[in-house]
């Protein structure tokens, strides 16, 4: 059952607005997290969050098996706490979609991040725009759901048209604010990706 399905027990306009504002906030936060995993010319530990290592037969996030440091802007250093999994970590990094060849010195793994080519940066910008568009669609879906719940509540509670109009206006303002945040995040990320 989704959060939206649980809304049937919400009894006021304020509850509906508050709940849906939280949903919009989560959508923006999720987009920011997605942007952190998009590879730019700079090294970031967040890029490795999705890398899974076969740790004694169990797929385990690399972040649970190793310390990840960024000693330079274009270098990540992965230091497994259990040196016995060094080869498994290296294999997982090679199999990942990072496109980086790890350098293993027997105790740590270095991941050099060369600056992406102009063509690759354009692809990354396209990917960021797609993520932002998906987030905007999610925000609009939350708005639609909020308006549907408001209509149901207003029919059930027999509230005035003025109250309905004020609530819908408030939901629209929230939608506009969150879409603007998405645009702002996209602009920042595009500038970061295109930076040489």
N, C-alpha and C. Protein backbone atom coordinates (compact mmCIF):
# COMPACT_ATOMS: atom_id res chain seq x y z
N UNK A 1 0.85 -1.18 0.00
CA UNK A 1 0.00 0.00 0.00
C UNK A 1 0.89 1.24 0.00
N UNK A 2 0.68 2.16 -0.92
CA UNK A 2 1.51 3.36 -1.00
C UNK A 2 1.03 4.39 0.01
N UNK A 3 1.84 5.45 0.18
CA UNK A 3 1.47 6.53 1.09
C UNK A 3 0.17 7.17 0.64
N UNK A 4 -0.04 7.24 -0.68
CA UNK A 4 -1.24 7.88 -1.20
C UNK A 4 -2.49 7.08 -0.82
N UNK A 5 -2.38 5.75 -0.79
CA UNK A 5 -3.53 4.93 -0.43
C UNK A 5 -3.90 5.10 1.04
N UNK A 6 -2.92 5.44 1.87
CA UNK A 6 -3.18 5.62 3.30
C UNK A 6 -3.88 6.94 3.58
N UNK A 7 -4.00 7.77 2.54
CA UNK A 7 -4.57 9.10 2.72
C UNK A 7 -6.06 9.08 3.06
N UNK A 8 -6.71 7.96 2.92
CA UNK A 8 -8.16 7.92 3.14
C UNK A 8 -8.53 8.31 4.57
N UNK A 9 -7.58 8.14 5.52
CA UNK A 9 -7.91 8.48 6.90
C UNK A 9 -7.57 9.94 7.24
N UNK A 10 -7.10 10.69 6.27
CA UNK A 10 -6.77 12.10 6.51
C UNK A 10 -8.06 12.91 6.50
N UNK A 11 -8.21 13.77 7.51
CA UNK A 11 -9.51 14.39 7.70
C UNK A 11 -9.57 15.89 7.41
N UNK A 12 -8.45 16.53 7.09
CA UNK A 12 -8.54 17.96 6.86
C UNK A 12 -7.74 18.39 5.63
N UNK A 13 -8.07 19.57 5.15
CA UNK A 13 -7.38 20.15 4.00
C UNK A 13 -5.90 20.34 4.35
N UNK A 14 -5.63 20.82 5.56
CA UNK A 14 -4.24 21.04 6.00
C UNK A 14 -3.44 19.74 5.99
N UNK A 15 -4.08 18.64 6.43
CA UNK A 15 -3.40 17.33 6.42
C UNK A 15 -3.02 16.94 5.00
N UNK A 16 -3.92 17.13 4.07
CA UNK A 16 -3.67 16.77 2.67
C UNK A 16 -2.52 17.61 2.13
N UNK A 17 -2.56 18.91 2.37
CA UNK A 17 -1.51 19.80 1.88
C UNK A 17 -0.16 19.41 2.49
N UNK A 18 -0.14 19.20 3.80
CA UNK A 18 1.11 18.86 4.48
C UNK A 18 1.69 17.54 3.96
N UNK A 19 0.83 16.54 3.82
CA UNK A 19 1.29 15.24 3.34
C UNK A 19 1.88 15.33 1.94
N UNK A 20 1.20 16.05 1.07
CA UNK A 20 1.67 16.13 -0.31
C UNK A 20 2.89 17.04 -0.46
N UNK A 21 3.02 18.01 0.42
CA UNK A 21 4.25 18.82 0.42
C UNK A 21 5.45 17.94 0.79
N UNK A 22 5.26 17.05 1.76
CA UNK A 22 6.32 16.10 2.15
C UNK A 22 6.70 15.22 0.96
N UNK A 23 5.69 14.77 0.20
CA UNK A 23 5.96 13.93 -0.97
C UNK A 23 6.79 14.70 -2.00
N UNK A 24 6.46 15.97 -2.20
CA UNK A 24 7.21 16.79 -3.16
C UNK A 24 8.65 17.01 -2.67
N UNK A 25 8.80 17.24 -1.36
CA UNK A 25 10.15 17.41 -0.79
C UNK A 25 10.99 16.16 -1.01
N UNK A 26 10.37 15.00 -0.82
CA UNK A 26 11.08 13.73 -1.01
C UNK A 26 11.50 13.56 -2.47
N UNK A 27 10.66 14.00 -3.39
CA UNK A 27 10.99 13.90 -4.82
C UNK A 27 12.21 14.75 -5.15
N UNK A 28 12.26 15.96 -4.62
CA UNK A 28 13.41 16.84 -4.86
C UNK A 28 14.67 16.24 -4.23
N UNK A 29 14.54 15.73 -3.01
CA UNK A 29 15.70 15.12 -2.33
C UNK A 29 16.20 13.90 -3.10
N UNK A 30 15.29 13.12 -3.64
CA UNK A 30 15.66 11.95 -4.43
C UNK A 30 16.41 12.37 -5.69
N UNK A 31 15.96 13.43 -6.34
CA UNK A 31 16.64 13.93 -7.53
C UNK A 31 18.06 14.38 -7.18
N UNK A 32 18.21 15.08 -6.06
CA UNK A 32 19.54 15.52 -5.65
C UNK A 32 20.45 14.31 -5.44
N UNK A 33 19.91 13.25 -4.85
CA UNK A 33 20.69 12.03 -4.63
C UNK A 33 21.07 11.40 -5.98
N UNK A 34 20.13 11.36 -6.90
CA UNK A 34 20.40 10.81 -8.24
C UNK A 34 21.50 11.61 -8.94
N UNK A 35 21.44 12.94 -8.81
CA UNK A 35 22.45 13.79 -9.42
C UNK A 35 23.84 13.50 -8.86
N UNK A 36 23.91 13.16 -7.57
CA UNK A 36 25.22 12.88 -6.96
C UNK A 36 25.87 11.65 -7.59
N UNK A 37 25.07 10.73 -8.11
CA UNK A 37 25.64 9.51 -8.69
C UNK A 37 26.02 9.68 -10.16
N UNK A 38 25.66 10.82 -10.77
CA UNK A 38 26.04 11.08 -12.16
C UNK A 38 27.50 11.48 -12.18
N UNK A 39 28.26 10.80 -12.99
CA UNK A 39 29.71 11.00 -13.03
C UNK A 39 30.07 12.29 -13.76
N UNK A 40 30.78 13.15 -13.06
CA UNK A 40 31.34 14.35 -13.68
C UNK A 40 32.84 14.12 -13.74
N UNK A 41 33.59 15.13 -14.05
CA UNK A 41 35.04 15.00 -14.07
C UNK A 41 35.62 14.88 -12.67
N UNK A 42 34.84 15.24 -11.67
CA UNK A 42 35.30 15.19 -10.29
C UNK A 42 34.95 13.85 -9.65
N UNK A 43 35.84 13.39 -8.80
CA UNK A 43 35.61 12.13 -8.08
C UNK A 43 34.71 12.40 -6.89
N UNK A 44 33.76 11.50 -6.65
CA UNK A 44 32.85 11.61 -5.52
C UNK A 44 32.53 10.21 -5.01
N UNK A 45 32.58 10.03 -3.71
CA UNK A 45 32.29 8.72 -3.12
C UNK A 45 30.86 8.27 -3.43
N UNK A 46 29.96 9.23 -3.65
CA UNK A 46 28.56 8.90 -3.96
C UNK A 46 28.44 8.08 -5.24
N UNK A 47 29.42 8.20 -6.13
CA UNK A 47 29.38 7.45 -7.39
C UNK A 47 29.47 5.95 -7.17
N UNK A 48 30.01 5.56 -6.03
CA UNK A 48 30.21 4.13 -5.78
C UNK A 48 29.07 3.50 -4.98
N UNK A 49 28.07 4.30 -4.61
CA UNK A 49 26.98 3.78 -3.77
C UNK A 49 26.26 2.58 -4.36
N UNK A 50 26.17 2.51 -5.67
CA UNK A 50 25.42 1.42 -6.30
C UNK A 50 26.29 0.21 -6.62
N UNK A 51 27.60 0.31 -6.38
CA UNK A 51 28.50 -0.80 -6.69
C UNK A 51 28.33 -1.88 -5.62
N UNK A 52 27.99 -3.09 -6.08
CA UNK A 52 27.78 -4.22 -5.16
C UNK A 52 28.95 -5.20 -5.30
N UNK A 53 29.48 -5.63 -4.17
CA UNK A 53 30.60 -6.56 -4.13
C UNK A 53 30.09 -7.91 -3.64
N UNK A 54 30.56 -8.98 -4.29
CA UNK A 54 30.21 -10.34 -3.86
C UNK A 54 31.04 -10.65 -2.62
N UNK A 55 30.46 -10.43 -1.44
CA UNK A 55 31.17 -10.61 -0.17
C UNK A 55 30.77 -11.95 0.43
N UNK A 56 31.60 -12.95 0.19
CA UNK A 56 31.35 -14.33 0.65
C UNK A 56 29.96 -14.80 0.24
N UNK A 57 29.61 -14.54 -1.02
CA UNK A 57 28.35 -15.02 -1.59
C UNK A 57 27.17 -14.09 -1.42
N UNK A 58 27.37 -12.97 -0.74
CA UNK A 58 26.28 -12.03 -0.52
C UNK A 58 26.59 -10.69 -1.20
N UNK A 59 25.72 -10.22 -2.10
CA UNK A 59 25.95 -8.90 -2.72
C UNK A 59 25.86 -7.81 -1.63
N UNK A 60 26.94 -7.08 -1.45
CA UNK A 60 27.04 -6.08 -0.39
C UNK A 60 27.51 -4.75 -0.99
N UNK A 61 26.90 -3.63 -0.59
CA UNK A 61 27.36 -2.33 -1.10
C UNK A 61 28.82 -2.09 -0.71
N UNK A 62 29.58 -1.56 -1.65
CA UNK A 62 31.00 -1.32 -1.43
C UNK A 62 31.22 -0.39 -0.23
N UNK A 63 30.28 0.50 0.01
CA UNK A 63 30.40 1.46 1.11
C UNK A 63 30.36 0.78 2.48
N UNK A 64 29.87 -0.48 2.54
CA UNK A 64 29.84 -1.23 3.80
C UNK A 64 31.10 -2.07 3.98
N UNK A 65 31.92 -2.15 2.95
CA UNK A 65 33.12 -2.99 3.01
C UNK A 65 34.42 -2.21 3.03
N UNK A 66 34.35 -0.92 2.70
CA UNK A 66 35.59 -0.17 2.53
C UNK A 66 35.41 1.30 2.86
N UNK A 67 36.54 1.90 3.22
CA UNK A 67 36.57 3.35 3.38
C UNK A 67 36.86 3.96 2.02
N UNK A 68 36.14 5.01 1.69
CA UNK A 68 36.33 5.66 0.38
C UNK A 68 36.75 7.10 0.63
N UNK A 69 37.92 7.45 0.09
CA UNK A 69 38.47 8.79 0.29
C UNK A 69 38.66 9.48 -1.06
N UNK A 70 38.69 10.81 -1.02
CA UNK A 70 38.94 11.61 -2.21
C UNK A 70 40.16 12.50 -1.94
N UNK A 71 41.37 11.96 -2.11
CA UNK A 71 42.56 12.77 -1.83
C UNK A 71 42.79 13.90 -2.84
N UNK A 72 42.30 13.73 -4.05
CA UNK A 72 42.40 14.76 -5.09
C UNK A 72 41.05 14.86 -5.80
N UNK A 73 40.87 15.92 -6.56
CA UNK A 73 39.59 16.14 -7.25
C UNK A 73 39.29 15.05 -8.28
N UNK A 74 40.33 14.40 -8.82
CA UNK A 74 40.12 13.41 -9.87
C UNK A 74 40.55 12.00 -9.44
N UNK A 75 40.52 11.72 -8.13
CA UNK A 75 40.97 10.42 -7.65
C UNK A 75 40.15 9.97 -6.45
N UNK A 76 39.71 8.71 -6.50
CA UNK A 76 39.09 8.06 -5.35
C UNK A 76 40.02 6.96 -4.87
N UNK A 77 40.11 6.79 -3.57
CA UNK A 77 40.89 5.69 -3.00
C UNK A 77 39.93 4.83 -2.19
N UNK A 78 39.89 3.53 -2.56
CA UNK A 78 39.01 2.57 -1.88
C UNK A 78 39.91 1.67 -1.04
N UNK A 79 39.67 1.66 0.28
CA UNK A 79 40.49 0.86 1.19
C UNK A 79 39.59 -0.12 1.94
N UNK A 80 39.55 -1.39 1.47
CA UNK A 80 38.71 -2.39 2.14
C UNK A 80 39.21 -2.64 3.57
N UNK A 81 38.27 -2.78 4.51
CA UNK A 81 38.65 -3.07 5.89
C UNK A 81 39.15 -4.50 6.01
N UNK A 82 38.59 -5.40 5.21
CA UNK A 82 39.03 -6.79 5.17
C UNK A 82 39.84 -6.95 3.88
N UNK A 83 41.16 -7.06 4.02
CA UNK A 83 42.04 -7.13 2.83
C UNK A 83 41.76 -8.37 1.98
N UNK A 84 41.08 -9.36 2.55
CA UNK A 84 40.74 -10.58 1.82
C UNK A 84 39.73 -10.36 0.70
N UNK A 85 39.04 -9.24 0.72
CA UNK A 85 38.04 -8.96 -0.32
C UNK A 85 38.54 -7.96 -1.36
N UNK A 86 39.82 -7.64 -1.31
CA UNK A 86 40.39 -6.65 -2.23
C UNK A 86 40.13 -7.03 -3.69
N UNK A 87 40.36 -8.30 -4.04
CA UNK A 87 40.14 -8.76 -5.42
C UNK A 87 38.67 -8.68 -5.80
N UNK A 88 37.78 -9.03 -4.85
CA UNK A 88 36.33 -8.97 -5.12
C UNK A 88 35.88 -7.51 -5.35
N UNK A 89 36.45 -6.59 -4.56
CA UNK A 89 36.13 -5.17 -4.72
C UNK A 89 36.60 -4.70 -6.09
N UNK A 90 37.81 -5.09 -6.46
CA UNK A 90 38.36 -4.70 -7.77
C UNK A 90 37.49 -5.24 -8.90
N UNK A 91 37.07 -6.50 -8.76
CA UNK A 91 36.22 -7.12 -9.78
C UNK A 91 34.88 -6.39 -9.90
N UNK A 92 34.30 -6.01 -8.77
CA UNK A 92 33.02 -5.29 -8.78
C UNK A 92 33.17 -3.92 -9.44
N UNK A 93 34.29 -3.26 -9.18
CA UNK A 93 34.53 -1.94 -9.78
C UNK A 93 34.71 -2.06 -11.29
N UNK A 94 35.40 -3.12 -11.73
CA UNK A 94 35.57 -3.34 -13.17
C UNK A 94 34.24 -3.63 -13.85
N UNK A 95 33.36 -4.38 -13.16
CA UNK A 95 32.07 -4.76 -13.73
C UNK A 95 31.05 -3.62 -13.68
N UNK A 96 31.32 -2.59 -12.87
CA UNK A 96 30.36 -1.49 -12.74
C UNK A 96 30.31 -0.65 -14.02
N UNK A 97 29.32 0.24 -14.08
CA UNK A 97 29.16 1.09 -15.27
C UNK A 97 29.94 2.40 -15.16
N UNK A 98 30.94 2.43 -14.26
CA UNK A 98 31.73 3.66 -14.07
C UNK A 98 32.63 3.96 -15.26
N UNK A 99 33.10 2.91 -15.92
CA UNK A 99 34.01 3.11 -17.04
C UNK A 99 35.41 3.51 -16.58
N UNK A 100 35.76 3.13 -15.36
CA UNK A 100 37.07 3.46 -14.78
C UNK A 100 37.81 2.15 -14.52
N UNK A 101 39.12 2.12 -14.85
CA UNK A 101 39.93 0.95 -14.58
C UNK A 101 40.63 1.14 -13.24
N UNK A 102 40.30 0.28 -12.26
CA UNK A 102 40.91 0.42 -10.94
C UNK A 102 42.39 -0.01 -10.95
N UNK A 103 43.16 0.62 -10.07
CA UNK A 103 44.57 0.29 -9.91
C UNK A 103 44.76 -0.27 -8.51
N UNK A 104 45.11 -1.56 -8.42
CA UNK A 104 45.23 -2.27 -7.15
C UNK A 104 46.70 -2.41 -6.77
N UNK A 105 47.08 -1.89 -5.58
CA UNK A 105 48.47 -2.02 -5.16
C UNK A 105 48.67 -3.04 -4.05
N UNK A 106 47.65 -3.86 -3.79
CA UNK A 106 47.75 -4.90 -2.78
C UNK A 106 47.10 -4.54 -1.45
N UNK A 107 46.90 -3.25 -1.19
CA UNK A 107 46.22 -2.87 0.05
C UNK A 107 45.10 -1.86 -0.19
N UNK A 108 45.23 -1.05 -1.24
CA UNK A 108 44.17 -0.10 -1.60
C UNK A 108 43.95 -0.14 -3.12
N UNK A 109 42.82 0.41 -3.51
CA UNK A 109 42.49 0.50 -4.93
C UNK A 109 42.32 1.98 -5.26
N UNK A 110 43.01 2.41 -6.30
CA UNK A 110 42.90 3.80 -6.75
C UNK A 110 42.00 3.83 -8.00
N UNK A 111 41.12 4.83 -8.03
CA UNK A 111 40.24 5.03 -9.18
C UNK A 111 40.48 6.43 -9.74
N UNK A 112 41.28 6.53 -10.81
CA UNK A 112 41.51 7.85 -11.41
C UNK A 112 40.34 8.22 -12.33
N UNK A 113 39.84 9.41 -12.17
CA UNK A 113 38.72 9.90 -12.98
C UNK A 113 39.22 10.93 -13.97
N UNK A 114 39.47 10.51 -15.21
CA UNK A 114 39.89 11.50 -16.20
C UNK A 114 38.70 12.40 -16.55
N UNK A 115 38.99 13.65 -16.89
CA UNK A 115 37.88 14.53 -17.28
C UNK A 115 37.15 13.94 -18.49
N UNK A 116 35.81 13.94 -18.48
CA UNK A 116 35.07 13.39 -19.61
C UNK A 116 35.24 14.24 -20.87
N UNK A 117 35.11 13.59 -22.01
CA UNK A 117 35.20 14.31 -23.28
C UNK A 117 33.98 15.22 -23.43
N UNK A 118 34.04 16.13 -24.38
CA UNK A 118 32.92 17.05 -24.65
C UNK A 118 31.66 16.26 -24.98
N UNK A 119 31.82 15.22 -25.80
CA UNK A 119 30.66 14.39 -26.19
C UNK A 119 30.05 13.70 -24.96
N UNK A 120 30.91 13.16 -24.10
CA UNK A 120 30.44 12.47 -22.90
C UNK A 120 29.73 13.44 -21.95
N UNK A 121 30.27 14.66 -21.85
CA UNK A 121 29.62 15.65 -20.98
C UNK A 121 28.22 15.99 -21.50
N UNK A 122 28.07 16.06 -22.83
CA UNK A 122 26.74 16.34 -23.40
C UNK A 122 25.77 15.20 -23.09
N UNK A 123 26.28 13.96 -23.15
CA UNK A 123 25.44 12.79 -22.80
C UNK A 123 25.01 12.86 -21.34
N UNK A 124 25.94 13.26 -20.47
CA UNK A 124 25.63 13.36 -19.04
C UNK A 124 24.60 14.45 -18.78
N UNK A 125 24.70 15.56 -19.50
CA UNK A 125 23.71 16.63 -19.36
C UNK A 125 22.33 16.12 -19.78
N UNK A 126 22.30 15.34 -20.88
CA UNK A 126 21.03 14.75 -21.34
C UNK A 126 20.44 13.85 -20.26
N UNK A 127 21.31 13.05 -19.65
CA UNK A 127 20.88 12.14 -18.58
C UNK A 127 20.33 12.94 -17.39
N UNK A 128 20.98 14.04 -17.04
CA UNK A 128 20.51 14.89 -15.95
C UNK A 128 19.16 15.50 -16.28
N UNK A 129 19.01 15.95 -17.53
CA UNK A 129 17.72 16.54 -17.93
C UNK A 129 16.60 15.51 -17.86
N UNK A 130 16.91 14.28 -18.23
CA UNK A 130 15.92 13.20 -18.16
C UNK A 130 15.51 12.95 -16.70
N UNK A 131 16.50 12.91 -15.80
CA UNK A 131 16.20 12.71 -14.38
C UNK A 131 15.34 13.86 -13.85
N UNK A 132 15.66 15.09 -14.26
CA UNK A 132 14.89 16.25 -13.82
C UNK A 132 13.46 16.19 -14.36
N UNK A 133 13.31 15.77 -15.61
CA UNK A 133 11.97 15.67 -16.20
C UNK A 133 11.13 14.63 -15.46
N UNK A 134 11.75 13.50 -15.12
CA UNK A 134 11.04 12.46 -14.35
C UNK A 134 10.60 12.99 -12.99
N UNK A 135 11.45 13.81 -12.36
CA UNK A 135 11.10 14.39 -11.07
C UNK A 135 9.94 15.37 -11.21
N UNK A 136 9.93 16.16 -12.29
CA UNK A 136 8.82 17.09 -12.52
C UNK A 136 7.51 16.34 -12.73
N UNK A 137 7.57 15.24 -13.46
CA UNK A 137 6.37 14.42 -13.67
C UNK A 137 5.88 13.88 -12.33
N UNK A 138 6.82 13.45 -11.48
CA UNK A 138 6.44 12.94 -10.15
C UNK A 138 5.77 14.04 -9.33
N UNK A 139 6.29 15.26 -9.40
CA UNK A 139 5.70 16.40 -8.68
C UNK A 139 4.28 16.66 -9.18
N UNK A 140 4.11 16.62 -10.50
CA UNK A 140 2.77 16.86 -11.07
C UNK A 140 1.80 15.75 -10.67
N UNK A 141 2.30 14.53 -10.58
CA UNK A 141 1.45 13.42 -10.13
C UNK A 141 1.02 13.61 -8.68
N UNK A 142 1.93 14.12 -7.85
CA UNK A 142 1.58 14.40 -6.45
C UNK A 142 0.51 15.49 -6.42
N UNK A 143 0.67 16.52 -7.27
CA UNK A 143 -0.33 17.60 -7.32
C UNK A 143 -1.71 17.04 -7.71
N UNK A 144 -1.72 16.19 -8.75
CA UNK A 144 -2.98 15.60 -9.20
C UNK A 144 -3.63 14.79 -8.07
N UNK A 145 -2.81 14.00 -7.38
CA UNK A 145 -3.32 13.18 -6.29
C UNK A 145 -3.88 14.06 -5.17
N UNK A 146 -3.17 15.15 -4.85
CA UNK A 146 -3.63 16.06 -3.80
C UNK A 146 -4.97 16.69 -4.19
N UNK A 147 -5.09 17.12 -5.44
CA UNK A 147 -6.35 17.73 -5.89
C UNK A 147 -7.49 16.72 -5.85
N UNK A 148 -7.23 15.47 -6.20
CA UNK A 148 -8.26 14.43 -6.14
C UNK A 148 -8.71 14.21 -4.71
N UNK A 149 -7.76 14.15 -3.79
CA UNK A 149 -8.09 13.95 -2.37
C UNK A 149 -8.86 15.15 -1.83
N UNK A 150 -8.47 16.36 -2.26
CA UNK A 150 -9.20 17.56 -1.84
C UNK A 150 -10.65 17.52 -2.30
N UNK A 151 -10.86 17.14 -3.57
CA UNK A 151 -12.23 17.05 -4.10
C UNK A 151 -13.07 16.08 -3.28
N UNK A 152 -12.48 14.91 -2.98
CA UNK A 152 -13.21 13.90 -2.19
C UNK A 152 -13.55 14.43 -0.80
N UNK A 153 -12.57 15.09 -0.18
CA UNK A 153 -12.78 15.63 1.17
C UNK A 153 -13.84 16.72 1.15
N UNK A 154 -13.78 17.56 0.15
CA UNK A 154 -14.73 18.67 0.07
C UNK A 154 -16.15 18.16 -0.15
N UNK A 155 -16.31 17.12 -0.96
CA UNK A 155 -17.64 16.52 -1.15
C UNK A 155 -18.13 15.88 0.14
N UNK A 156 -17.23 15.17 0.83
CA UNK A 156 -17.61 14.46 2.06
C UNK A 156 -17.90 15.44 3.20
N UNK A 157 -17.13 16.51 3.29
CA UNK A 157 -17.26 17.46 4.40
C UNK A 157 -18.19 18.63 4.07
N UNK A 158 -18.57 18.73 2.80
CA UNK A 158 -19.43 19.82 2.36
C UNK A 158 -18.81 21.19 2.67
N UNK A 159 -17.54 21.34 2.23
CA UNK A 159 -16.82 22.60 2.43
C UNK A 159 -17.13 23.56 1.28
N UNK A 160 -16.83 24.83 1.50
CA UNK A 160 -17.16 25.86 0.51
C UNK A 160 -16.23 25.81 -0.70
N UNK A 161 -16.71 26.42 -1.79
CA UNK A 161 -15.91 26.51 -3.02
C UNK A 161 -14.68 27.38 -2.78
N UNK A 162 -14.82 28.42 -1.94
CA UNK A 162 -13.69 29.29 -1.62
C UNK A 162 -12.57 28.49 -0.97
N UNK A 163 -12.95 27.63 -0.04
CA UNK A 163 -11.96 26.81 0.65
C UNK A 163 -11.27 25.86 -0.33
N UNK A 164 -12.06 25.27 -1.23
CA UNK A 164 -11.50 24.39 -2.24
C UNK A 164 -10.53 25.16 -3.14
N UNK A 165 -10.94 26.35 -3.55
CA UNK A 165 -10.09 27.16 -4.43
C UNK A 165 -8.78 27.54 -3.73
N UNK A 166 -8.87 27.96 -2.46
CA UNK A 166 -7.66 28.32 -1.70
C UNK A 166 -6.72 27.12 -1.58
N UNK A 167 -7.27 25.96 -1.30
CA UNK A 167 -6.44 24.75 -1.15
C UNK A 167 -5.77 24.38 -2.47
N UNK A 168 -6.53 24.41 -3.57
CA UNK A 168 -5.95 24.09 -4.87
C UNK A 168 -4.87 25.10 -5.26
N UNK A 169 -5.09 26.37 -4.92
CA UNK A 169 -4.10 27.40 -5.18
C UNK A 169 -2.82 27.13 -4.40
N UNK A 170 -2.99 26.72 -3.14
CA UNK A 170 -1.84 26.41 -2.29
C UNK A 170 -1.05 25.22 -2.87
N UNK A 171 -1.77 24.19 -3.31
CA UNK A 171 -1.12 23.02 -3.91
C UNK A 171 -0.37 23.44 -5.18
N UNK A 172 -0.96 24.34 -5.98
CA UNK A 172 -0.30 24.80 -7.20
C UNK A 172 0.97 25.58 -6.87
N UNK A 173 0.92 26.41 -5.83
CA UNK A 173 2.11 27.17 -5.42
C UNK A 173 3.21 26.21 -4.98
N UNK A 174 2.84 25.17 -4.23
CA UNK A 174 3.83 24.17 -3.81
C UNK A 174 4.44 23.49 -5.03
N UNK A 175 3.59 23.16 -5.99
CA UNK A 175 4.06 22.52 -7.22
C UNK A 175 5.06 23.42 -7.94
N UNK A 176 4.69 24.69 -8.11
CA UNK A 176 5.57 25.64 -8.80
C UNK A 176 6.90 25.79 -8.07
N UNK A 177 6.85 25.88 -6.74
CA UNK A 177 8.07 26.02 -5.94
C UNK A 177 8.98 24.82 -6.12
N UNK A 178 8.42 23.63 -6.08
CA UNK A 178 9.23 22.41 -6.19
C UNK A 178 9.77 22.22 -7.61
N UNK A 179 8.99 22.58 -8.61
CA UNK A 179 9.49 22.51 -10.00
C UNK A 179 10.65 23.50 -10.17
N UNK A 180 10.54 24.67 -9.54
CA UNK A 180 11.63 25.66 -9.60
C UNK A 180 12.90 25.11 -8.92
N UNK A 181 12.72 24.39 -7.81
CA UNK A 181 13.88 23.77 -7.13
C UNK A 181 14.54 22.75 -8.04
N UNK A 182 13.73 21.98 -8.75
CA UNK A 182 14.26 20.98 -9.68
C UNK A 182 15.07 21.68 -10.77
N UNK A 183 14.52 22.76 -11.33
CA UNK A 183 15.21 23.52 -12.37
C UNK A 183 16.54 24.08 -11.86
N UNK A 184 16.52 24.59 -10.63
CA UNK A 184 17.73 25.14 -10.01
C UNK A 184 18.79 24.05 -9.84
N UNK A 185 18.37 22.87 -9.34
CA UNK A 185 19.30 21.76 -9.16
C UNK A 185 19.87 21.30 -10.51
N UNK A 186 19.02 21.27 -11.53
CA UNK A 186 19.46 20.86 -12.86
C UNK A 186 20.49 21.84 -13.41
N UNK A 187 20.22 23.12 -13.25
CA UNK A 187 21.14 24.15 -13.75
C UNK A 187 22.51 24.01 -13.08
N UNK A 188 22.52 23.80 -11.77
CA UNK A 188 23.77 23.63 -11.02
C UNK A 188 24.51 22.40 -11.50
N UNK A 189 23.78 21.29 -11.67
CA UNK A 189 24.42 20.05 -12.09
C UNK A 189 24.96 20.16 -13.51
N UNK A 190 24.20 20.79 -14.42
CA UNK A 190 24.67 20.97 -15.79
C UNK A 190 25.97 21.77 -15.81
N UNK A 191 26.05 22.83 -15.00
CA UNK A 191 27.26 23.64 -14.95
C UNK A 191 28.44 22.80 -14.44
N UNK A 192 28.16 21.96 -13.44
CA UNK A 192 29.19 21.08 -12.88
C UNK A 192 29.68 20.06 -13.92
N UNK A 193 28.74 19.49 -14.67
CA UNK A 193 29.09 18.48 -15.68
C UNK A 193 29.89 19.11 -16.82
N UNK A 194 29.50 20.30 -17.25
CA UNK A 194 30.16 20.94 -18.40
C UNK A 194 31.50 21.59 -18.05
N UNK A 195 31.76 21.73 -16.74
CA UNK A 195 33.02 22.31 -16.29
C UNK A 195 34.18 21.41 -16.69
N UNK A 196 35.22 21.97 -17.30
CA UNK A 196 36.35 21.16 -17.76
C UNK A 196 37.39 21.05 -16.66
